[in-house]
Amino acid sequence: MKTTYHIKKNWGKAISLLAFMPLTLLSSCSDQMNYNEYYVYDKDYMTQEFGRAEGFLTTAYSELDYDFGQNMSGAMLACATDEAEYAYRGNSVEEFYNGAWSKTNPHSAMWTSAFKGIRYANLFLDEFANLSFNHLKYNDDYMAQMFNYNNMKYEARFLRAYFYFNLVRQYGGVPIIKSNLSADEVNQLSRNTSDEVFEFINAECDSIKSKIVKDYTDLGDNALSTVPTGRANNLAVLALKARAALYHASPLFNPNDNKELWHAAASACKDLIDSCEVQGKKLANKYESLWSSTNFTDAQPFGEILLIRCVGEDNQWEKYNFPIGLEGAKGGNCPTQDLVDAYEMQTTGRSIQEEGSGYDAQNPYTGRDPRFELTICHNETKRWPNWATSLIYTYQNGANAQPLNGGTPTGYYLKKLLNAAVDTRAASANKTKHNWVIFRMGEAYLNYAEAVFKYLGSADATSAEFPMSAREAVSKTRLRSKMPAFPTAMSNDAFWEKYKNERRVELAFEGHRFWDVRRWKEADKYFSKITEMIITKNDDDTYTYTPKTINRRWEDKMYLFPIPQSEILKDKKLSQNPGW
């Protein structure tokens, strides 16, 4: 009698995997990494080809998160923060700050996606991770295929740990499921604590970090004819461990400021950086190359990237975000004045609010941190995108501004993550690959800076264990962008504010701000309002800049998401997060 395997796509709902057939979900970086959903009759069928087991694992990879506006009709999660505002009213992203967010309207995509990925990983580990493929052992590539196949169980464990990180940062403690369970068994589970989830992630990473492949391009006799892309290696494992440790040590999960958690975070971050440097990883020369369409093949950006999510080839992302007024463009995710003000002056390295910074309020976009022009499209930006024949005008009644439907409410449009070569005009439309960076060394240096600062107690402090100071680490991303390093002998308060600003600028629109402000428990300071810039053109062709404050709703219960009420109704042992 053949066994049919089951996967619960939703928390308490089971579906059968009735037939083995690929349903393409997402395109890949290359032909070597296709994301598929596989359906299987039985274990015997899976043993017929290596590719069937590998194909099944890619269903778990397909749940890796990214944010090209696909979840909220074009809006990024950044629009629920002080990074951006969406150009169109009524988008679901507004529910994060208008009071419509609730346990019955829980924004539960991560709950569903992460647990789906966990179940795929568990099923692979339970049923498909210890096959022998004996009938294939006389094939010339049998040993290489077996090496690749045996590595998959470590990839599955990494993916499971990654999904648990996404869950714990969003919900706090959740049930830890280590094997493939029936729906009835799932619906009898209680929540583990957040400490237990973080400890599980750490233990999994420690267990597999020396076993999983280090470099898929350097496998010697075990090399396959095609090099896999987009798959986790030991640096991805170390990056997950370091990020999770930093979150665990942060105030949201460490309310008593346990220094040992900061020590663990600093150690994990140092281990990651040391391992990266041993393997020749380093910051890319050009900041903008990190989100190019070839960031997974070009040596410079890929030298910094530790894990990438290959999404596919299209032009929808550019259509969402190129300035309104251009053919095929919708305006989309508009950076706030708050983010614009975060970019310091290049010559002095000072905030625009600081005396002696060199900031000129009549020429507000001149002389700023070079990352500003690479991230934000402002009034009178030239050649954005590169086929545009006129300047972009974001002043009121300008060619790319309100009152046009989709005109920027903030005075700015997004550049970062977009490809200027994509053409959205009907007669000449083209497409390009889009790849979401999950882990990179820029974040690794910033994570280390935060952890070692919190552990050692000052920006310049070092020790035998941590010979690189927080100041030195945080300066690396600045020096790459030709910004002055942090000064020495900063007070702790001054360093902390400047560090947070550097993190905000370097990682803008990469999915960090929403979670960083929460783990710091500073959302009442940053998420209770945003600033738009109303630009008017004067008769003498100068501009008047008038900031406008927009209040948003923040309640402390929002530090964690509500557990979907539908899941609590199915599992009476699940408890709701406070306040929901």
Foldseek 3Di string as FASTA:
>chain_A
DFDWDWAALALQRIDTLDPFDWDFDFCFLDPQQTQTDTRHGHLVVCLQDLVSLVNLLSVLVVLDDAFLPPLWVQAGLCCLFQFWNWQAPPIPSQCSFAVVDDLQNFSCPLVSSLSRSLLSLQCCLVRPQDDQSVVCCPPPLNQLSVLVSNLVNLLSLLSNLLSLLVACLFFAWAFDDNHNDHSVVSLADETDGNVVSLVSLLVSLVVCLVPHAADQVDPVSSHDPDGHAQTAGSLSSLQSNLVSLLLCQFCVNNVVNDLVSLVSNLLSLVVSVVVLVVVPADAALDLQLLWDLCLRPDCRNVSFFRGKRWGHKDCVSQQQFQFPLAPSHQNTIFTAVVLVQLWFFFPPLDGPPDPPRPADPLCRPPRTQVLNLQWKQAAQDPCQLVPDPGGDHAADVDSRAPPPRRGGQFRITTRGSHHSPADSHPVDGDIGIGMAGDDTVLVSLLSSLVSQCSNVVHQPDADPSRRQGSQNSLQRVSVSSNGDGDDPPDDPVVVVVNSVSSCCSSCPPNPPPVSVCLSNVNCVVTSQKYKGWHWHADPVRGIDTDIDIDGTHDDNLSSHTWNNVVSCVSRVSYDTRPPD
